[in-house]
Protein backbone atom coordinates (compact mmCIF):
# COMPACT_ATOMS: atom_id res chain seq x y z
CA MET A 1 47.00 -39.68 2.50
CA SER A 2 45.94 -39.40 -1.12
CA ARG A 3 48.13 -40.61 -3.93
CA ALA A 4 50.67 -38.09 -5.22
CA ILE A 5 51.37 -37.18 -8.83
CA ALA A 6 55.07 -37.92 -9.41
CA VAL A 7 57.14 -36.74 -12.37
CA ILE A 8 60.75 -36.71 -13.51
CA THR A 9 61.83 -33.21 -14.55
CA SER A 10 63.30 -32.68 -18.00
CA SER A 11 66.78 -31.97 -16.59
CA ALA A 12 66.72 -35.21 -14.55
CA ALA A 13 65.43 -37.11 -17.61
CA LYS A 14 68.32 -35.75 -19.72
CA ARG A 15 70.80 -36.95 -17.12
CA LEU A 16 69.14 -40.37 -17.05
CA GLN A 17 69.53 -40.69 -20.82
CA THR A 18 73.30 -40.55 -20.35
CA LEU A 19 73.17 -43.23 -17.64
CA GLY A 20 71.43 -45.88 -19.73
CA PRO A 21 68.30 -48.02 -19.64
CA VAL A 22 68.99 -49.75 -16.30
CA ALA A 23 69.18 -46.37 -14.51
CA GLN A 24 66.09 -45.13 -16.37
CA GLN A 25 64.10 -48.20 -15.26
CA ALA A 26 65.34 -47.90 -11.67
CA VAL A 27 64.36 -44.23 -11.39
CA GLU A 28 61.02 -44.92 -13.06
CA GLY A 29 60.41 -47.57 -10.38
CA LEU A 30 61.27 -45.01 -7.70
CA ARG A 31 58.90 -42.50 -9.33
CA ARG A 32 56.04 -45.01 -9.08
CA GLU A 33 56.92 -45.75 -5.46
CA LEU A 34 56.89 -42.03 -4.63
CA GLU A 35 53.27 -41.82 -5.80
CA ASP A 36 52.31 -43.88 -2.74
CA SER A 37 55.13 -42.93 -0.33
CA PRO A 38 56.30 -39.39 -1.14
CA LYS A 39 58.22 -38.99 2.14
CA LEU A 40 60.44 -42.04 1.78
CA GLY A 41 63.76 -40.18 1.53
CA ILE A 42 65.80 -38.18 4.03
CA ARG A 43 64.34 -34.72 4.56
CA ARG A 44 66.85 -32.07 3.47
CA GLY A 45 64.83 -28.90 4.09
CA SER A 46 61.95 -26.74 2.95
CA VAL A 47 61.71 -24.54 -0.11
CA HIS A 48 62.11 -20.87 0.87
CA GLY A 49 58.87 -18.94 0.75
CA ASN A 50 56.72 -22.05 0.79
CA GLY A 51 56.78 -24.00 4.04
CA ASP A 52 54.71 -26.83 2.57
CA THR A 53 57.20 -27.87 -0.13
CA VAL A 54 59.92 -30.15 1.23
CA VAL A 55 63.12 -31.40 -0.42
CA TYR A 56 64.14 -35.03 0.12
CA ARG A 57 67.16 -37.12 -0.85
CA THR A 58 67.23 -40.86 -1.41
CA ARG A 59 69.60 -43.38 -2.90
CA LEU A 60 69.43 -46.27 -5.33
CA GLU A 61 72.17 -48.81 -4.70
CA PRO A 62 74.48 -49.82 -7.57
CA ARG A 63 73.56 -52.81 -9.68
CA GLU A 64 74.81 -54.41 -12.84
CA ASP A 65 75.17 -51.75 -15.56
CA MET A 66 74.26 -48.91 -13.15
CA PRO A 67 76.30 -46.97 -10.60
CA GLY A 68 74.74 -46.00 -7.30
CA LEU A 69 72.45 -42.98 -7.74
CA THR A 70 71.55 -40.14 -5.42
CA ILE A 71 68.09 -38.78 -6.18
CA VAL A 72 66.82 -35.40 -4.97
CA TYR A 73 63.12 -34.64 -5.18
CA ALA A 74 60.63 -32.04 -4.00
CA TYR A 75 57.31 -32.93 -2.38
CA ALA A 76 54.42 -30.44 -2.31
CA PRO A 77 51.39 -31.74 -0.38
CA GLN A 78 49.35 -28.61 -1.19
CA PRO A 79 47.48 -27.65 -3.29
CA HIS A 80 45.65 -30.91 -3.84
CA PRO A 81 46.59 -33.31 -5.39
CA PRO A 82 50.02 -33.74 -3.77
CA ALA A 83 52.96 -33.58 -6.19
CA VAL A 84 56.48 -34.98 -6.35
CA ALA A 85 59.17 -33.81 -8.79
CA ILE A 86 62.43 -35.73 -9.17
CA ILE A 87 64.80 -32.84 -9.77
CA THR A 88 68.31 -34.33 -9.83
CA VAL A 89 69.91 -37.71 -10.47
CA THR A 90 73.59 -37.90 -9.54
CA PRO A 91 75.65 -41.05 -10.15
CA ASP A 92 78.38 -42.16 -7.78
CA ASP A 93 81.88 -41.23 -8.86
CA VAL A 94 83.01 -44.70 -9.87
CA SER A 95 86.53 -43.45 -10.69
CA ASN A 96 87.20 -43.23 -6.92
CA GLU A 97 86.25 -46.85 -6.26
CA PRO A 98 89.03 -49.42 -5.74
CA GLN A 99 89.66 -51.65 -8.73
CA THR A 100 89.22 -55.38 -8.17
């Protein structure tokens, strides 16, 4: 499999700005990983009208200064070169977590 071109969409980048530098670095690390392993998430379905484009979901676990994040991305193996677009970044709802 050839290396994919992976990008973070402008809407996902705007959301990341509100989540801070730790989240930005974590998602950037995921973006780099997706260049080599674009099918690493859980397959959620195909884009209507284009059977080659597949939507995946993956998760980044919480860490200091960052809530857990759910990442949704689209992978299009054709036309060449393959492409990945991170389309949404959703933080966990930390208000529902028990206080310690």
